[in-house]
Protein backbone atom coordinates (compact mmCIF):
# COMPACT_ATOMS: atom_id res chain seq x y z
CA MET A 1 0.18 0.12 0.04
CA ASN A 2 2.92 2.20 0.63
CA ASP A 3 4.43 1.84 -2.74
CA GLU A 4 1.20 2.87 -4.39
CA LYS A 5 1.11 6.12 -2.51
CA ASN A 6 4.79 6.88 -3.79
CA ILE A 7 3.70 6.03 -7.32
CA HIS A 8 0.33 7.64 -7.44
CA PRO A 9 0.53 10.56 -4.99
CA GLU A 10 -2.80 12.45 -6.57
CA LYS A 11 -4.98 9.56 -5.73
CA GLU A 12 -4.80 10.09 -2.05
CA GLY A 13 -4.82 13.91 -2.54
CA THR A 14 -1.27 14.13 -0.96
CA ALA A 15 1.47 16.55 -2.51
CA VAL A 16 4.59 15.36 -4.39
CA GLN A 17 6.86 13.88 -2.16
CA LYS A 18 10.15 15.88 -1.27
CA ASP A 19 12.53 13.16 -3.03
CA ASP A 20 10.65 13.81 -5.89
CA VAL A 21 11.24 17.48 -5.77
CA GLU A 22 15.00 17.02 -4.99
CA GLU A 23 15.37 14.66 -7.77
CA THR A 24 13.63 16.66 -10.32
CA SER A 25 15.69 19.52 -9.21
CA ARG A 26 18.80 17.57 -9.62
CA ILE A 27 18.16 16.36 -13.03
CA GLU A 28 17.09 20.08 -13.96
CA LYS A 29 20.65 21.11 -12.90
CA ALA A 30 22.41 18.33 -14.76
CA ILE A 31 20.59 19.13 -17.93
CA ALA A 32 21.54 22.87 -17.60
CA HIS A 33 25.38 22.11 -17.05
CA GLU A 34 25.18 19.72 -20.13
CA ILE A 35 23.80 22.05 -22.39
CA GLU A 36 26.35 24.71 -21.10
CA ASN A 37 29.07 22.52 -21.85
CA VAL A 38 27.70 21.52 -25.35
CA THR A 39 26.76 25.18 -26.47
CA ALA A 40 30.15 26.51 -25.19
CA ALA A 41 32.01 24.96 -28.07
CA ILE A 42 29.83 26.91 -30.54
CA PRO A 43 31.07 29.96 -31.94
CA PRO A 44 28.61 33.13 -31.53
CA LEU A 45 26.87 34.23 -34.78
CA PRO A 46 27.73 37.68 -36.27
CA LEU A 47 24.45 39.85 -36.12
CA THR A 48 25.10 42.22 -38.58
CA GLY A 49 22.12 43.73 -40.28
CA LEU A 50 19.90 43.63 -37.07
CA ALA A 51 19.10 46.18 -34.57
CA GLY A 52 19.21 49.10 -37.06
CA GLU A 53 22.44 48.36 -38.36
CA ALA A 54 22.76 47.59 -42.02
CA ALA A 55 25.63 44.96 -43.44
CA PRO A 56 28.44 46.84 -45.59
CA GLY A 57 27.17 47.66 -49.02
CA ARG A 58 23.81 45.97 -48.38
CA PRO A 59 20.60 48.18 -47.92
CA PHE A 60 17.71 47.20 -45.94
CA PRO A 61 14.78 45.88 -47.85
CA GLU A 62 12.82 49.07 -46.51
CA ASP A 63 15.18 51.08 -48.63
CA SER A 64 13.87 49.61 -51.89
CA PRO A 65 10.71 51.73 -52.66
CA VAL A 66 7.67 50.00 -53.84
CA ARG A 67 7.95 51.52 -57.41
CA ASP A 68 11.22 49.51 -57.83
CA TRP A 69 9.46 46.42 -56.86
CA PHE A 70 6.52 47.32 -59.16
CA PHE A 71 8.90 47.69 -62.10
CA THR A 72 10.51 44.38 -61.24
CA PHE A 73 7.23 42.71 -61.54
CA MET A 74 6.34 44.50 -64.59
CA CYS A 75 9.53 43.42 -66.36
CA MET A 76 9.56 39.78 -65.48
CA ASN A 77 6.08 39.24 -66.90
CA ILE A 78 6.86 40.16 -70.22
CA PRO A 79 7.37 37.02 -72.12
CA ILE A 80 11.06 37.04 -73.60
CA VAL A 81 12.33 40.36 -71.89
CA GLY A 82 11.37 39.04 -68.46
CA TRP A 83 13.75 36.14 -68.91
CA ILE A 84 16.37 38.39 -70.02
CA TYR A 85 15.78 40.66 -66.98
CA LEU A 86 15.67 37.91 -64.51
CA LEU A 87 19.03 36.65 -65.88
CA ARG A 88 20.29 40.18 -65.17
CA LEU A 89 19.17 40.32 -61.91
CA THR A 90 20.64 36.95 -60.77
CA ARG A 91 24.03 38.73 -61.38
CA ARG A 92 23.45 41.95 -59.62
CA LYS A 93 25.87 42.50 -56.50
CA THR A 94 24.22 45.42 -54.71
CA ASP A 95 20.73 44.25 -54.07
CA THR A 96 20.82 40.89 -52.50
CA SER A 97 16.99 40.41 -51.71
CA ARG A 98 16.13 41.22 -55.40
CA ARG A 99 19.19 39.02 -56.47
CA ASN A 100 17.64 36.00 -54.50
CA PHE A 101 14.18 36.94 -55.39
CA ALA A 102 15.05 36.69 -59.12
CA ARG A 103 16.94 33.49 -58.77
CA ALA A 104 13.81 31.81 -56.99
CA TYR A 105 11.51 33.07 -59.66
CA LEU A 106 13.66 32.02 -62.59
CA PHE A 107 13.94 28.43 -61.01
CA TYR A 108 10.12 28.48 -60.56
CA LYS A 109 9.62 29.40 -64.46
CA LEU A 110 12.21 26.90 -65.36
CA VAL A 111 10.52 24.05 -63.39
CA PHE A 112 7.07 24.90 -65.05
CA LEU A 113 8.73 25.18 -68.47
CA ALA A 114 10.03 21.69 -68.07
CA VAL A 115 6.68 20.54 -66.90
CA SER A 116 5.03 22.13 -69.66
CA ALA A 117 7.58 20.85 -72.29
CA VAL A 118 6.77 17.14 -71.03
CA LEU A 119 2.93 17.55 -71.16
CA LEU A 120 3.15 19.10 -74.55
CA GLY A 121 5.22 16.29 -75.74
CA ILE A 122 2.91 13.54 -74.27
CA LEU A 123 -0.08 15.39 -75.83
CA ILE A 124 1.52 15.44 -79.33
CA TRP A 125 2.63 11.95 -79.26
CA ILE A 126 -1.13 11.08 -78.27
CA GLY A 127 -2.49 13.41 -80.84
CA LEU A 128 -0.19 12.18 -83.75
CA ASP A 129 -1.27 8.81 -82.91
CA MET A 130 -5.14 9.55 -82.98
CA LEU A 131 -4.40 11.58 -86.24
CA ASP A 132 -2.92 8.35 -87.75
CA HIS A 133 -6.11 6.49 -86.68
CA LEU A 134 -8.32 8.95 -88.25
CA LEU A 135 -6.35 9.18 -91.46
CA ALA A 136 -6.52 5.34 -91.60
CA TYR A 137 -10.20 5.46 -90.93
CA MET A 138 -10.76 7.77 -93.42
CA GLU A 139 -8.74 5.89 -96.18
CA MET A 140 -11.18 2.97 -95.64
CA LEU A 141 -14.23 5.00 -96.42
């Protein structure tokens, strides 16, 4: 009966035993000590570009006015010029946010171009086969 009281103290409405509190405290201290030992070997990260200070040669995204982004969206959606404009933006060294955006959007366009080419090829293959059957049927008439 005494063992049940230590295993399930909430059954009889008693408080958590003092030994349990001490053991929990000891485990928490051991975990904190281990975390301190493990993280001590990790070098601190440089936090440039935070708290109001910009990294050298890199403006904040707030410094890019809306009209520049509007121009970017307008140019990149022109059929052939958009590809050239995006390629030019991927080589830009000053505005990293626009360069990364151009790289991501160019990758997006390339993925959908590849998928579209595969689907078009499949549809042409199916269509040519159907056309061959249609012409064969017409010759029988």
